[in-house]
Amino acid sequence: MNGQNRNDVMPGLTVEIVLKADQKTGKLTKGIVKDVLTKSNTHPHGIKVRLTDGQIGRVQKVYPN
């Protein structure tokens, strides 16, 4: 799953996100979703989430539990 569909992203899942500061380099940060911030069903750049450590970014990869 690529993280562009809101239905694929929910609290408790392990994901890789790209932080705003890392968008140019594409560096990914791995963490666990705390909150889903995007309201629309899809987003071409990835659903925006807040991780349990407080970092916010767009989901690039979803790991199955």
PDB file of N, CA and C in Angstrom:
ATOM      1  N   MET A   1       0.837  -1.187   0.000  1.00  0.00           N
ATOM      2  CA  MET A   1       0.000   0.000   0.000  1.00  0.00           C
ATOM      3  C   MET A   1       0.875   1.241   0.000  1.00  0.00           C
ATOM      4  N   ASN A   2       0.455   2.222  -0.782  1.00  0.00           N
ATOM      5  CA  ASN A   2       1.295   3.403  -0.965  1.00  0.00           C
ATOM      6  C   ASN A   2       0.895   4.597  -0.108  1.00  0.00           C
ATOM      7  N   GLY A   3      -0.167   4.502   0.685  1.00  0.00           N
ATOM      8  CA  GLY A   3      -0.520   5.570   1.592  1.00  0.00           C
ATOM      9  C   GLY A   3      -1.309   6.704   0.990  1.00  0.00           C
ATOM     10  N   GLN A   4      -1.844   6.535  -0.229  1.00  0.00           N
ATOM     11  CA  GLN A   4      -2.626   7.593  -0.854  1.00  0.00           C
ATOM     12  C   GLN A   4      -4.115   7.483  -0.544  1.00  0.00           C
ATOM     13  N   ASN A   5      -4.572   6.344  -0.026  1.00  0.00           N
ATOM     14  CA  ASN A   5      -5.979   6.148   0.313  1.00  0.00           C
ATOM     15  C   ASN A   5      -6.154   6.211   1.821  1.00  0.00           C
ATOM     16  N   ARG A   6      -7.090   7.047   2.257  1.00  0.00           N
ATOM     17  CA  ARG A   6      -7.321   7.241   3.685  1.00  0.00           C
ATOM     18  C   ARG A   6      -7.779   5.943   4.355  1.00  0.00           C
ATOM     19  N   ASN A   7      -8.505   5.096   3.626  1.00  0.00           N
ATOM     20  CA  ASN A   7      -9.005   3.840   4.189  1.00  0.00           C
ATOM     21  C   ASN A   7      -7.878   2.870   4.546  1.00  0.00           C
ATOM     22  N   ASP A   8      -6.702   3.046   3.949  1.00  0.00           N
ATOM     23  CA  ASP A   8      -5.555   2.159   4.204  1.00  0.00           C
ATOM     24  C   ASP A   8      -4.741   2.594   5.415  1.00  0.00           C
ATOM     25  N   VAL A   9      -4.998   3.806   5.927  1.00  0.00           N
ATOM     26  CA  VAL A   9      -4.186   4.380   6.999  1.00  0.00           C
ATOM     27  C   VAL A   9      -5.056   4.575   8.236  1.00  0.00           C
ATOM     28  N   MET A  10      -4.636   3.965   9.353  1.00  0.00           N
ATOM     29  CA  MET A  10      -5.397   4.121  10.592  1.00  0.00           C
ATOM     30  C   MET A  10      -4.444   4.101  11.778  1.00  0.00           C
ATOM     31  N   PRO A  11      -4.885   4.681  12.907  1.00  0.00           N
ATOM     32  CA  PRO A  11      -4.024   4.695  14.087  1.00  0.00           C
ATOM     33  C   PRO A  11      -3.570   3.293  14.487  1.00  0.00           C
ATOM     34  N   GLY A  12      -2.292   3.205  14.879  1.00  0.00           N
ATOM     35  CA  GLY A  12      -1.721   1.935  15.292  1.00  0.00           C
ATOM     36  C   GLY A  12      -0.907   1.236  14.220  1.00  0.00           C
ATOM     37  N   LEU A  13      -1.061   1.654  12.961  1.00  0.00           N
ATOM     38  CA  LEU A  13      -0.292   1.031  11.881  1.00  0.00           C
ATOM     39  C   LEU A  13       1.129   1.584  11.839  1.00  0.00           C
ATOM     40  N   THR A  14       2.060   0.740  11.420  1.00  0.00           N
ATOM     41  CA  THR A  14       3.437   1.172  11.195  1.00  0.00           C
ATOM     42  C   THR A  14       3.543   1.673   9.763  1.00  0.00           C
ATOM     43  N   VAL A  15       4.102   2.872   9.597  1.00  0.00           N
ATOM     44  CA  VAL A  15       4.208   3.498   8.279  1.00  0.00           C
ATOM     45  C   VAL A  15       5.573   4.164   8.121  1.00  0.00           C
ATOM     46  N   GLU A  16       5.878   4.512   6.874  1.00  0.00           N
ATOM     47  CA  GLU A  16       7.016   5.382   6.593  1.00  0.00           C
ATOM     48  C   GLU A  16       6.452   6.665   6.017  1.00  0.00           C
ATOM     49  N   ILE A  17       6.879   7.800   6.577  1.00  0.00           N
ATOM     50  CA  ILE A  17       6.403   9.099   6.112  1.00  0.00           C
ATOM     51  C   ILE A  17       7.572   9.934   5.613  1.00  0.00           C
ATOM     52  N   VAL A  18       7.241  10.922   4.786  1.00  0.00           N
ATOM     53  CA  VAL A  18       8.231  11.925   4.405  1.00  0.00           C
ATOM     54  C   VAL A  18       7.838  13.209   5.127  1.00  0.00           C
ATOM     55  N   LEU A  19       8.769  13.740   5.912  1.00  0.00           N
ATOM     56  CA  LEU A  19       8.549  14.983   6.641  1.00  0.00           C
ATOM     57  C   LEU A  19       8.656  16.158   5.673  1.00  0.00           C
ATOM     58  N   LYS A  20       8.029  17.279   6.010  1.00  0.00           N
ATOM     59  CA  LYS A  20       8.069  18.478   5.164  1.00  0.00           C
ATOM     60  C   LYS A  20       9.515  18.877   4.851  1.00  0.00           C
ATOM     61  N   ALA A  21      10.375  18.827   5.852  1.00  0.00           N
ATOM     62  CA  ALA A  21      11.779  19.222   5.664  1.00  0.00           C
ATOM     63  C   ALA A  21      12.543  18.245   4.763  1.00  0.00           C
ATOM     64  N   ASP A  22      12.029  17.015   4.622  1.00  0.00           N
ATOM     65  CA  ASP A  22      12.720  15.983   3.838  1.00  0.00           C
ATOM     66  C   ASP A  22      12.105  15.761   2.464  1.00  0.00           C
ATOM     67  N   GLN A  23      11.153  16.596   2.058  1.00  0.00           N
ATOM     68  CA  GLN A  23      10.474  16.363   0.783  1.00  0.00           C
ATOM     69  C   GLN A  23      11.426  16.426  -0.405  1.00  0.00           C
ATOM     70  N   LYS A  24      12.409  17.303  -0.369  1.00  0.00           N
ATOM     71  CA  LYS A  24      13.344  17.418  -1.497  1.00  0.00           C
ATOM     72  C   LYS A  24      14.255  16.207  -1.600  1.00  0.00           C
ATOM     73  N   THR A  25      14.682  15.665  -0.446  1.00  0.00           N
ATOM     74  CA  THR A  25      15.593  14.525  -0.454  1.00  0.00           C
ATOM     75  C   THR A  25      14.842  13.195  -0.533  1.00  0.00           C
ATOM     76  N   GLY A  26      13.595  13.185  -0.074  1.00  0.00           N
ATOM     77  CA  GLY A  26      12.814  11.946  -0.083  1.00  0.00           C
ATOM     78  C   GLY A  26      13.135  11.016   1.075  1.00  0.00           C
ATOM     79  N   LYS A  27      13.864  11.514   2.085  1.00  0.00           N
ATOM     80  CA  LYS A  27      14.211  10.698   3.250  1.00  0.00           C
ATOM     81  C   LYS A  27      12.945  10.296   3.995  1.00  0.00           C
ATOM     82  N   LEU A  28      12.842   9.006   4.323  1.00  0.00           N
ATOM     83  CA  LEU A  28      11.656   8.482   4.984  1.00  0.00           C
ATOM     84  C   LEU A  28      11.898   8.284   6.480  1.00  0.00           C
ATOM     85  N   THR A  29      10.849   8.480   7.257  1.00  0.00           N
ATOM     86  CA  THR A  29      10.877   8.300   8.702  1.00  0.00           C
ATOM     87  C   THR A  29       9.850   7.251   9.069  1.00  0.00           C
ATOM     88  N   LYS A  30      10.264   6.226   9.792  1.00  0.00           N
ATOM     89  CA  LYS A  30       9.366   5.135  10.171  1.00  0.00           C
ATOM     90  C   LYS A  30       8.770   5.400  11.541  1.00  0.00           C
ATOM     91  N   GLY A  31       7.481   5.080  11.695  1.00  0.00           N
ATOM     92  CA  GLY A  31       6.830   5.271  12.982  1.00  0.00           C
ATOM     93  C   GLY A  31       5.439   4.673  13.004  1.00  0.00           C
ATOM     94  N   ILE A  32       4.751   4.887  14.115  1.00  0.00           N
ATOM     95  CA  ILE A  32       3.399   4.362  14.312  1.00  0.00           C
ATOM     96  C   ILE A  32       2.418   5.524  14.283  1.00  0.00           C
ATOM     97  N   VAL A  33       1.336   5.362  13.512  1.00  0.00           N
ATOM     98  CA  VAL A  33       0.336   6.425  13.350  1.00  0.00           C
ATOM     99  C   VAL A  33      -0.414   6.654  14.656  1.00  0.00           C
ATOM    100  N   LYS A  34      -0.477   7.934  15.069  1.00  0.00           N
ATOM    101  CA  LYS A  34      -1.293   8.333  16.210  1.00  0.00           C
ATOM    102  C   LYS A  34      -2.603   8.934  15.723  1.00  0.00           C
ATOM    103  N   ASP A  35      -2.516   9.888  14.763  1.00  0.00           N
ATOM    104  CA  ASP A  35      -3.692  10.574  14.228  1.00  0.00           C
ATOM    105  C   ASP A  35      -3.596  10.673  12.717  1.00  0.00           C
ATOM    106  N   VAL A  36      -4.751  10.543  12.047  1.00  0.00           N
ATOM    107  CA  VAL A  36      -4.840  10.781  10.606  1.00  0.00           C
ATOM    108  C   VAL A  36      -5.337  12.210  10.441  1.00  0.00           C
ATOM    109  N   LEU A  37      -4.557  13.049   9.741  1.00  0.00           N
ATOM    110  CA  LEU A  37      -4.866  14.473   9.643  1.00  0.00           C
ATOM    111  C   LEU A  37      -5.582  14.856   8.349  1.00  0.00           C
ATOM    112  N   THR A  38      -5.400  14.104   7.270  1.00  0.00           N
ATOM    113  CA  THR A  38      -6.060  14.401   6.004  1.00  0.00           C
ATOM    114  C   THR A  38      -7.527  14.017   6.090  1.00  0.00           C
ATOM    115  N   LYS A  39      -8.402  14.929   5.683  1.00  0.00           N
ATOM    116  CA  LYS A  39      -9.849  14.683   5.739  1.00  0.00           C
ATOM    117  C   LYS A  39     -10.383  14.021   4.467  1.00  0.00           C
ATOM    118  N   SER A  40      -9.750  14.280   3.312  1.00  0.00           N
ATOM    119  CA  SER A  40     -10.243  13.715   2.054  1.00  0.00           C
ATOM    120  C   SER A  40      -9.919  12.218   1.971  1.00  0.00           C
ATOM    121  N   ASN A  41     -10.635  11.507   1.105  1.00  0.00           N
ATOM    122  CA  ASN A  41     -10.455  10.052   0.977  1.00  0.00           C
ATOM    123  C   ASN A  41      -9.132   9.671   0.335  1.00  0.00           C
ATOM    124  N   THR A  42      -8.624  10.528  -0.546  1.00  0.00           N
ATOM    125  CA  THR A  42      -7.341  10.256  -1.204  1.00  0.00           C
ATOM    126  C   THR A  42      -6.528  11.540  -1.278  1.00  0.00           C
ATOM    127  N   HIS A  43      -5.213  11.373  -1.436  1.00  0.00           N
ATOM    128  CA  HIS A  43      -4.325  12.512  -1.657  1.00  0.00           C
ATOM    129  C   HIS A  43      -3.155  12.024  -2.496  1.00  0.00           C
ATOM    130  N   PRO A  44      -2.842  12.715  -3.592  1.00  0.00           N
ATOM    131  CA  PRO A  44      -1.787  12.232  -4.503  1.00  0.00           C
ATOM    132  C   PRO A  44      -0.392  12.176  -3.902  1.00  0.00           C
ATOM    133  N   HIS A  45      -0.127  12.968  -2.852  1.00  0.00           N
ATOM    134  CA  HIS A  45       1.195  12.980  -2.226  1.00  0.00           C
ATOM    135  C   HIS A  45       1.253  12.139  -0.962  1.00  0.00           C
ATOM    136  N   GLY A  46       0.140  11.507  -0.602  1.00  0.00           N
ATOM    137  CA  GLY A  46       0.093  10.679   0.597  1.00  0.00           C
ATOM    138  C   GLY A  46      -0.774  11.317   1.673  1.00  0.00           C
ATOM    139  N   ILE A  47      -1.397  10.470   2.473  1.00  0.00           N
ATOM    140  CA  ILE A  47      -2.247  10.924   3.560  1.00  0.00           C
ATOM    141  C   ILE A  47      -1.362  11.517   4.667  1.00  0.00           C
ATOM    142  N   LYS A  48      -1.740  12.676   5.180  1.00  0.00           N
ATOM    143  CA  LYS A  48      -0.950  13.332   6.238  1.00  0.00           C
ATOM    144  C   LYS A  48      -1.333  12.730   7.591  1.00  0.00           C
ATOM    145  N   VAL A  49      -0.308  12.351   8.364  1.00  0.00           N
ATOM    146  CA  VAL A  49      -0.522  11.734   9.672  1.00  0.00           C
ATOM    147  C   VAL A  49       0.398  12.338  10.716  1.00  0.00           C
ATOM    148  N   ARG A  50       0.027  12.143  11.986  1.00  0.00           N
ATOM    149  CA  ARG A  50       0.902  12.468  13.124  1.00  0.00           C
ATOM    150  C   ARG A  50       1.333  11.142  13.725  1.00  0.00           C
ATOM    151  N   LEU A  51       2.630  10.966  13.912  1.00  0.00           N
ATOM    152  CA  LEU A  51       3.155   9.745  14.523  1.00  0.00           C
ATOM    153  C   LEU A  51       3.077   9.851  16.045  1.00  0.00           C
ATOM    154  N   THR A  52       3.277   8.724  16.722  1.00  0.00           N
ATOM    155  CA  THR A  52       3.212   8.701  18.188  1.00  0.00           C
ATOM    156  C   THR A  52       4.278   9.591  18.809  1.00  0.00           C
ATOM    157  N   ASP A  53       5.380   9.864  18.094  1.00  0.00           N
ATOM    158  CA  ASP A  53       6.429  10.736  18.633  1.00  0.00           C
ATOM    159  C   ASP A  53       6.193  12.212  18.293  1.00  0.00           C
ATOM    160  N   GLY A  54       5.061  12.517  17.626  1.00  0.00           N
ATOM    161  CA  GLY A  54       4.694  13.895  17.342  1.00  0.00           C
ATOM    162  C   GLY A  54       5.069  14.407  15.966  1.00  0.00           C
ATOM    163  N   GLN A  55       5.863  13.658  15.206  1.00  0.00           N
ATOM    164  CA  GLN A  55       6.264  14.104  13.875  1.00  0.00           C
ATOM    165  C   GLN A  55       5.070  14.005  12.923  1.00  0.00           C
ATOM    166  N   ILE A  56       5.000  14.956  11.984  1.00  0.00           N
ATOM    167  CA  ILE A  56       3.907  15.007  11.017  1.00  0.00           C
ATOM    168  C   ILE A  56       4.485  14.918   9.613  1.00  0.00           C
ATOM    169  N   GLY A  57       3.867  14.090   8.782  1.00  0.00           N
ATOM    170  CA  GLY A  57       4.304  13.960   7.403  1.00  0.00           C
ATOM    171  C   GLY A  57       3.297  13.183   6.586  1.00  0.00           C
ATOM    172  N   ARG A  58       3.638  12.963   5.327  1.00  0.00           N
ATOM    173  CA  ARG A  58       2.752  12.253   4.407  1.00  0.00           C
ATOM    174  C   ARG A  58       3.213  10.806   4.241  1.00  0.00           C
ATOM    175  N   VAL A  59       2.254   9.887   4.307  1.00  0.00           N
ATOM    176  CA  VAL A  59       2.545   8.457   4.252  1.00  0.00           C
ATOM    177  C   VAL A  59       3.031   8.068   2.857  1.00  0.00           C
ATOM    178  N   GLN A  60       4.154   7.372   2.827  1.00  0.00           N
ATOM    179  CA  GLN A  60       4.708   6.853   1.581  1.00  0.00           C
ATOM    180  C   GLN A  60       4.593   5.332   1.497  1.00  0.00           C
ATOM    181  N   LYS A  61       4.574   4.677   2.655  1.00  0.00           N
ATOM    182  CA  LYS A  61       4.511   3.214   2.677  1.00  0.00           C
ATOM    183  C   LYS A  61       3.786   2.779   3.949  1.00  0.00           C
ATOM    184  N   VAL A  62       2.914   1.777   3.804  1.00  0.00           N
ATOM    185  CA  VAL A  62       2.177   1.215   4.937  1.00  0.00           C
ATOM    186  C   VAL A  62       2.649  -0.225   5.127  1.00  0.00           C
ATOM    187  N   TYR A  63       3.008  -0.571   6.352  1.00  0.00           N
ATOM    188  CA  TYR A  63       3.428  -1.931   6.669  1.00  0.00           C
ATOM    189  C   TYR A  63       2.228  -2.713   7.206  1.00  0.00           C
ATOM    190  N   PRO A  64       1.970  -3.914   6.692  1.00  0.00           N
ATOM    191  CA  PRO A  64       0.849  -4.715   7.222  1.00  0.00           C
ATOM    192  C   PRO A  64       1.134  -5.178   8.645  1.00  0.00           C
ATOM    193  N   ASN A  65       0.099  -5.219   9.466  1.00  0.00           N
ATOM    194  CA  ASN A  65       0.270  -5.695  10.851  1.00  0.00           C
ATOM    195  C   ASN A  65       0.072  -7.189  10.930  1.00  0.00           C
TER     196      ASN A  65
END
